[in-house]
């Protein structure tokens, strides 16, 4: 059993259940493998970390391995969680037809096209039905939640009840972008596995692994610098043509405290198109720039850092207003660079 196509699937990228290659996270993969073949298998794993780094890919990879190898004693020689692409279990998971895998996501209700904002308690009732029946292939029954951040209070409590009294040979793989915001009682009943962001080299490897995504080498390098270690963000940059904008923004930030009106006009013209993803990239890049400066100048004392901290607060507050009230975005570019330039020139 598996839910319909994910609402947030990206163009050119396979769904995590279709992806056999894991980029990075080899230590986490080894942790799962050691626990499974060593007979120390916890019934619930909370796989946390920033969005788009491969958490769901790892969860599906582990589910596929367990369902293909229900007897841990027979895979003692395994060195990773790989399963052959022509394995019947893998084929059933890709087709959404494996009876012992339940994937819970946000899905549209029957007769409706709109995807809800959260995983409802109605969707969670599917877990009760799922674990109320015997395993279709006589092995493990696996529930994969992607992501737990999208559960509302009712659905979170429904999941908690099952985690408190797990059925025999059940496995819960819970993906979360912000584990700290989940119910403490859910976290306490899971073994946590925290994944780190990917390196630039791993991002480049990931981009090259997608057959339908062709990114020139120079553009791929730009994307790897700006995607914050997220392969998902890298794909969004590649699909949206945002890498060139990010590079131009970096060049403008590097000139501070001097500013180039021509560069700022060019950046502002692009933001004026009301592209929310581009606006988020602008704000994120500016914040990253300020963070790097604050870290680099930490030894100079609070007086030197205060102006930049004030700019940080202004950027956060005004950017929220720009989005909330749909304000003009080009003036915001000049505002931000004016604040940054003034902070850079202010005497220590």
Protein backbone atom coordinates (compact mmCIF):
# COMPACT_ATOMS: atom_id res chain seq x y z
CA UNK A 1 0.00 0.00 0.00
CA UNK A 2 1.31 3.46 -0.83
CA UNK A 3 -0.17 6.88 -1.29
CA UNK A 4 -0.67 8.63 -4.58
CA UNK A 5 2.05 10.74 -6.19
CA UNK A 6 3.73 13.22 -3.89
CA UNK A 7 2.53 16.80 -4.06
CA UNK A 8 6.04 18.24 -4.00
CA UNK A 9 7.70 16.12 -6.65
CA UNK A 10 10.22 18.12 -8.69
CA UNK A 11 10.55 18.12 -12.47
CA UNK A 12 13.34 15.85 -13.62
CA UNK A 13 13.71 14.09 -10.27
CA UNK A 14 12.49 10.60 -9.44
CA UNK A 15 10.33 10.10 -6.37
CA UNK A 16 12.41 8.85 -3.39
CA UNK A 17 10.77 5.42 -3.70
CA UNK A 18 12.12 5.23 -7.27
CA UNK A 19 15.65 6.28 -6.40
CA UNK A 20 18.26 3.58 -5.83
CA UNK A 21 21.31 5.81 -5.39
CA UNK A 22 22.00 7.36 -2.00
CA UNK A 23 24.18 10.48 -2.07
CA UNK A 24 26.15 10.79 1.17
CA UNK A 25 24.79 9.62 4.56
CA UNK A 26 26.87 6.45 4.55
CA UNK A 27 27.34 6.55 8.33
CA UNK A 28 23.56 6.72 8.84
CA UNK A 29 23.09 3.89 6.35
CA UNK A 30 25.60 1.79 8.28
CA UNK A 31 23.79 2.53 11.54
CA UNK A 32 20.54 1.16 10.11
CA UNK A 33 22.26 -1.87 8.61
CA UNK A 34 24.10 -2.72 11.83
CA UNK A 35 20.91 -2.41 13.88
CA UNK A 36 18.95 -4.66 11.53
CA UNK A 37 21.42 -7.47 11.08
CA UNK A 38 22.52 -7.29 14.72
CA UNK A 39 19.06 -7.99 16.12
CA UNK A 40 18.92 -4.57 17.82
CA UNK A 41 16.16 -3.22 15.64
CA UNK A 42 14.21 -0.39 17.24
CA UNK A 43 10.60 -0.30 16.09
CA UNK A 44 10.65 3.43 15.25
CA UNK A 45 13.31 5.60 13.63
CA UNK A 46 13.10 9.38 13.46
CA UNK A 47 15.16 10.47 10.45
CA UNK A 48 15.78 14.18 10.83
CA UNK A 49 17.67 16.94 9.07
CA UNK A 50 17.16 19.86 6.67
CA UNK A 51 14.75 19.49 3.78
CA UNK A 52 15.97 17.98 0.54
CA UNK A 53 19.11 16.20 1.72
CA UNK A 54 17.96 12.61 1.18
CA UNK A 55 16.00 11.63 4.30
CA UNK A 56 13.08 10.12 2.39
CA UNK A 57 15.47 8.45 -0.05
CA UNK A 58 17.23 6.76 2.88
CA UNK A 59 13.91 5.77 4.45
CA UNK A 60 12.67 4.11 1.25
CA UNK A 61 16.08 2.51 0.75
CA UNK A 62 15.88 0.93 4.20
CA UNK A 63 12.25 -0.14 3.72
CA UNK A 64 13.14 -1.76 0.40
CA UNK A 65 16.09 -3.59 1.98
CA UNK A 66 14.07 -4.91 4.93
CA UNK A 67 11.17 -6.08 2.76
CA UNK A 68 13.56 -7.75 0.32
CA UNK A 69 15.50 -9.38 3.18
CA UNK A 70 13.00 -10.24 5.94
CA UNK A 71 15.49 -12.55 7.72
CA UNK A 72 18.42 -10.54 9.18
CA UNK A 73 20.46 -13.71 9.60
CA UNK A 74 20.73 -14.09 5.84
CA UNK A 75 22.30 -10.69 5.14
CA UNK A 76 25.22 -10.73 7.59
CA UNK A 77 27.66 -10.14 4.73
CA UNK A 78 25.83 -7.07 3.43
CA UNK A 79 27.88 -3.87 3.37
CA UNK A 80 25.08 -1.43 2.54
CA UNK A 81 21.31 -1.25 2.04
CA UNK A 82 21.34 -1.64 -1.72
CA UNK A 83 18.79 -3.84 -3.48
CA UNK A 84 19.00 -4.81 -7.14
CA UNK A 85 16.82 -2.69 -9.41
CA UNK A 86 15.23 -5.83 -10.88
CA UNK A 87 14.27 -7.22 -7.47
CA UNK A 88 10.49 -7.94 -7.39
CA UNK A 89 10.16 -6.11 -4.06
CA UNK A 90 11.74 -3.00 -5.56
CA UNK A 91 9.40 -3.17 -8.53
CA UNK A 92 6.33 -3.41 -6.28
CA UNK A 93 7.45 -0.45 -4.19
CA UNK A 94 8.04 1.69 -7.27
CA UNK A 95 4.59 0.75 -8.56
CA UNK A 96 3.03 1.57 -5.19
CA UNK A 97 1.81 -1.99 -4.92
CA UNK A 98 3.70 -3.54 -2.01
CA UNK A 99 1.15 -4.78 0.54
CA UNK A 100 3.52 -4.38 3.48
CA UNK A 101 4.54 -0.76 2.95
CA UNK A 102 2.27 2.11 3.92
CA UNK A 103 3.52 5.59 3.04
CA UNK A 104 1.70 8.46 4.70
CA UNK A 105 1.83 11.86 3.03
CA UNK A 106 -0.44 14.77 2.31
CA UNK A 107 -2.86 13.60 -0.37
CA UNK A 108 -6.00 14.99 -1.93
CA UNK A 109 -9.28 13.66 -0.59
CA UNK A 110 -11.52 11.62 -2.86
CA UNK A 111 -13.15 13.83 -5.47
CA UNK A 112 -10.91 16.80 -4.68
CA UNK A 113 -7.88 18.14 -6.52
CA UNK A 114 -6.48 20.35 -3.78
CA UNK A 115 -3.69 18.94 -1.62
CA UNK A 116 -4.37 19.64 2.09
CA UNK A 117 -1.88 21.49 4.26
CA UNK A 118 -1.42 18.61 6.67
CA UNK A 119 -1.68 14.86 7.14
CA UNK A 120 -5.14 14.49 8.60
CA UNK A 121 -6.29 12.06 11.25
CA UNK A 122 -8.37 10.45 8.50
CA UNK A 123 -5.19 9.55 6.66
CA UNK A 124 -3.72 8.24 9.90
CA UNK A 125 -6.62 5.81 10.29
CA UNK A 126 -5.07 3.95 7.38
CA UNK A 127 -2.30 2.93 9.79
CA UNK A 128 -4.79 1.18 12.07
CA UNK A 129 -6.24 -0.77 9.15
CA UNK A 130 -2.76 -1.53 7.85
CA UNK A 131 -1.45 -2.97 11.10
CA UNK A 132 -4.77 -4.66 11.79
CA UNK A 133 -4.09 -7.13 8.99
CA UNK A 134 -1.34 -9.70 8.71
CA UNK A 135 1.74 -9.01 6.61
CA UNK A 136 0.96 -9.74 2.98
CA UNK A 137 4.30 -11.43 2.41
CA UNK A 138 4.77 -12.86 5.89
CA UNK A 139 7.54 -10.50 6.99
CA UNK A 140 7.73 -6.95 8.24
CA UNK A 141 5.09 -4.27 7.97
CA UNK A 142 6.54 -0.82 7.45
CA UNK A 143 4.91 2.58 7.87
CA UNK A 144 6.83 5.48 6.33
CA UNK A 145 5.72 8.99 7.33
CA UNK A 146 6.96 11.76 5.02
CA UNK A 147 6.95 14.14 6.64
CA UNK A 148 5.94 14.16 10.29
CA UNK A 149 6.12 17.97 10.26
CA UNK A 150 2.90 17.93 8.23
CA UNK A 151 0.87 16.08 10.85
CA UNK A 152 -1.73 18.04 12.78
CA UNK A 153 -2.30 17.50 16.49
CA UNK A 154 -4.91 14.77 15.99
CA UNK A 155 -2.84 12.77 13.53
CA UNK A 156 0.25 13.14 15.71
CA UNK A 157 -1.66 11.68 18.67
CA UNK A 158 -2.92 8.83 16.50
CA UNK A 159 0.66 7.99 15.52
CA UNK A 160 1.78 8.22 19.14
CA UNK A 161 -0.71 5.55 20.23
CA UNK A 162 0.80 3.07 17.78
CA UNK A 163 4.35 3.97 18.77
CA UNK A 164 3.46 3.29 22.40
CA UNK A 165 2.18 -0.22 21.63
CA UNK A 166 3.80 -1.27 18.34
CA UNK A 167 2.48 -4.41 16.62
CA UNK A 168 4.83 -7.35 16.20
CA UNK A 169 7.39 -7.04 13.39
CA UNK A 170 6.37 -3.46 12.70
CA UNK A 171 8.73 -0.72 11.64
CA UNK A 172 8.05 3.03 11.61
CA UNK A 173 10.30 5.26 9.51
CA UNK A 174 9.45 8.87 10.36
CA UNK A 175 10.95 11.65 8.25
CA UNK A 176 11.14 15.13 9.77
CA UNK A 177 12.71 18.40 8.64
CA UNK A 178 12.32 19.87 12.15
CA UNK A 179 12.33 17.03 14.72
CA UNK A 180 12.51 19.49 17.59
CA UNK A 181 8.98 20.67 16.84
CA UNK A 182 7.41 17.22 17.07
CA UNK A 183 5.63 16.06 20.19
CA UNK A 184 8.27 15.19 22.82
CA UNK A 185 6.42 11.94 23.43
CA UNK A 186 6.86 10.96 19.77
CA UNK A 187 10.57 11.80 19.86
CA UNK A 188 11.07 9.83 23.06
CA UNK A 189 9.67 6.67 21.49
CA UNK A 190 11.92 6.82 18.44
CA UNK A 191 15.58 6.25 17.85
CA UNK A 192 16.89 9.45 16.29
CA UNK A 193 19.04 9.47 13.19
CA UNK A 194 20.14 12.96 12.21
CA UNK A 195 21.39 13.54 8.67
CA UNK A 196 23.73 16.38 7.74
CA UNK A 197 23.65 18.66 4.71
CA UNK A 198 25.55 17.48 1.65
CA UNK A 199 28.96 18.79 0.63
CA UNK A 200 29.42 20.69 -2.63
CA UNK A 201 31.09 17.60 -4.12
CA UNK A 202 28.10 15.47 -3.13
CA UNK A 203 25.69 18.01 -4.63
CA UNK A 204 27.60 17.84 -7.92
CA UNK A 205 27.48 14.04 -7.75
CA UNK A 206 23.75 14.19 -7.11
CA UNK A 207 23.07 16.53 -10.03
CA UNK A 208 25.03 14.27 -12.35
CA UNK A 209 23.03 11.25 -11.19
CA UNK A 210 19.73 12.55 -12.62
CA UNK A 211 19.40 11.39 -16.21
CA UNK A 212 16.79 14.01 -17.09
CA UNK A 213 18.62 16.97 -15.53
CA UNK A 214 21.45 18.32 -17.67
CA UNK A 215 23.36 21.15 -16.00
CA UNK A 216 26.53 22.67 -17.53
CA UNK A 217 29.58 22.25 -15.31
CA UNK A 218 30.00 25.97 -14.56
CA UNK A 219 26.32 26.33 -13.65
CA UNK A 220 26.44 23.18 -11.52
CA UNK A 221 29.31 24.67 -9.53
CA UNK A 222 27.28 27.83 -8.90
CA UNK A 223 24.30 25.76 -7.83
CA UNK A 224 26.42 23.69 -5.44
CA UNK A 225 27.60 26.88 -3.74
CA UNK A 226 24.11 28.29 -3.28
CA UNK A 227 21.91 25.29 -2.45
CA UNK A 228 22.87 25.06 1.25
CA UNK A 229 23.72 21.38 1.00
CA UNK A 230 20.22 20.45 -0.21
CA UNK A 231 19.91 18.41 -3.38
CA UNK A 232 16.26 19.42 -3.58
CA UNK A 233 17.23 23.08 -3.48
CA UNK A 234 19.89 22.39 -6.12
CA UNK A 235 17.25 20.94 -8.43
CA UNK A 236 15.01 23.95 -7.86
CA UNK A 237 17.88 26.25 -8.76
CA UNK A 238 18.60 24.21 -11.89
CA UNK A 239 14.96 24.05 -12.97
CA UNK A 240 14.21 27.68 -12.22
CA UNK A 241 17.31 29.21 -13.79
CA UNK A 242 18.18 30.80 -10.45
CA UNK A 243 21.90 30.03 -10.43
CA UNK A 244 22.78 33.09 -12.53
CA UNK A 245 20.80 35.35 -10.19
CA UNK A 246 22.53 33.83 -7.16
CA UNK A 247 25.95 34.41 -8.70
CA UNK A 248 25.11 38.05 -9.51
CA UNK A 249 23.84 38.54 -5.95
CA UNK A 250 27.06 37.09 -4.55
CA UNK A 251 29.07 39.52 -6.67
CA UNK A 252 27.05 42.47 -5.36
CA UNK A 253 27.44 41.32 -1.74
CA UNK A 254 31.19 40.89 -2.22
CA UNK A 255 31.53 44.60 -3.15
CA UNK A 256 30.11 45.83 0.15
CA UNK A 257 30.37 48.38 1.68
CA UNK A 258 30.56 49.75 -1.86
CA UNK A 259 27.45 49.35 -4.01
CA UNK A 260 26.95 49.33 -7.77
CA UNK A 261 23.57 50.82 -8.81
CA UNK A 262 23.65 48.97 -12.13
CA UNK A 263 24.05 45.63 -10.36
CA UNK A 264 21.28 46.48 -7.89
CA UNK A 265 18.92 47.56 -10.67
CA UNK A 266 19.52 44.24 -12.44
CA UNK A 267 18.81 42.28 -9.26
CA UNK A 268 15.74 44.37 -8.53
CA UNK A 269 14.35 43.90 -12.03
CA UNK A 270 14.49 40.14 -11.62
CA UNK A 271 12.84 40.23 -8.20
CA UNK A 272 10.13 42.51 -9.58
CA UNK A 273 8.76 39.53 -11.52
CA UNK A 274 7.11 38.29 -8.30
CA UNK A 275 8.99 35.01 -8.30
CA UNK A 276 8.60 33.83 -4.69
CA UNK A 277 11.40 31.27 -4.98
CA UNK A 278 13.78 33.98 -6.22
CA UNK A 279 12.74 36.30 -3.40
CA UNK A 280 13.39 33.55 -0.84
CA UNK A 281 16.80 32.98 -2.43
CA UNK A 282 17.59 36.69 -2.13
CA UNK A 283 16.65 36.85 1.56
CA UNK A 284 18.43 33.59 2.36
CA UNK A 285 21.63 34.67 0.59
CA UNK A 286 21.64 38.03 2.38
CA UNK A 287 21.17 36.28 5.72
CA UNK A 288 23.97 33.84 4.90
CA UNK A 289 26.23 36.79 4.05
CA UNK A 290 25.46 38.46 7.39
CA UNK A 291 25.96 35.19 9.27
CA UNK A 292 29.41 34.71 7.73
CA UNK A 293 30.37 38.25 8.66
CA UNK A 294 29.12 37.88 12.22
CA UNK A 295 31.13 34.69 12.66
CA UNK A 296 34.25 36.18 11.09
CA UNK A 297 34.08 39.34 13.23
CA UNK A 298 32.96 37.70 16.48
CA UNK A 299 36.26 38.54 18.18
CA UNK A 300 35.83 42.29 17.53
CA UNK A 301 33.25 42.69 20.26
CA UNK A 302 29.57 43.54 20.60
CA UNK A 303 29.99 47.16 19.49
CA UNK A 304 31.28 46.08 16.09
CA UNK A 305 28.62 43.41 15.66
CA UNK A 306 25.65 45.52 16.75
CA UNK A 307 25.09 47.33 13.40
CA UNK A 308 24.97 44.06 11.48
CA UNK A 309 22.63 42.52 14.04
CA UNK A 310 20.31 45.50 13.56
CA UNK A 311 20.34 44.94 9.79
CA UNK A 312 19.48 41.28 10.34
CA UNK A 313 16.37 42.26 12.29
CA UNK A 314 15.37 44.81 9.64
CA UNK A 315 15.75 42.31 6.81
CA UNK A 316 13.65 39.73 8.64
CA UNK A 317 10.92 42.21 9.50
CA UNK A 318 10.65 44.04 6.18
CA UNK A 319 10.94 40.89 4.04
CA UNK A 320 7.98 39.44 5.95
CA UNK A 321 5.98 42.60 5.21
CA UNK A 322 6.94 42.52 1.52
CA UNK A 323 5.59 38.98 1.26
CA UNK A 324 2.52 39.50 3.43
CA UNK A 325 1.33 42.68 1.69
CA UNK A 326 2.68 41.90 -1.79
CA UNK A 327 4.83 45.04 -1.79
CA UNK A 328 7.22 46.09 -4.56
CA UNK A 329 10.40 44.07 -4.34
CA UNK A 330 12.87 46.18 -6.28
CA UNK A 331 12.95 48.96 -3.64
CA UNK A 332 13.60 46.27 -1.03
CA UNK A 333 16.85 45.36 -2.82
CA UNK A 334 18.11 48.94 -2.54
CA UNK A 335 16.95 49.12 1.08
CA UNK A 336 18.86 46.00 2.06
CA UNK A 337 22.08 47.01 0.34
CA UNK A 338 21.80 50.49 1.84
CA UNK A 339 21.55 49.00 5.33
CA UNK A 340 24.45 46.64 4.69
CA UNK A 341 26.64 49.40 3.26
CA UNK A 342 25.96 51.67 6.23
CA UNK A 343 26.71 48.87 8.69
CA UNK A 344 29.97 48.14 6.90
CA UNK A 345 31.11 51.77 7.02
CA UNK A 346 30.08 52.46 10.61
CA UNK A 347 33.23 53.01 12.75
CA UNK A 348 34.16 50.46 15.40
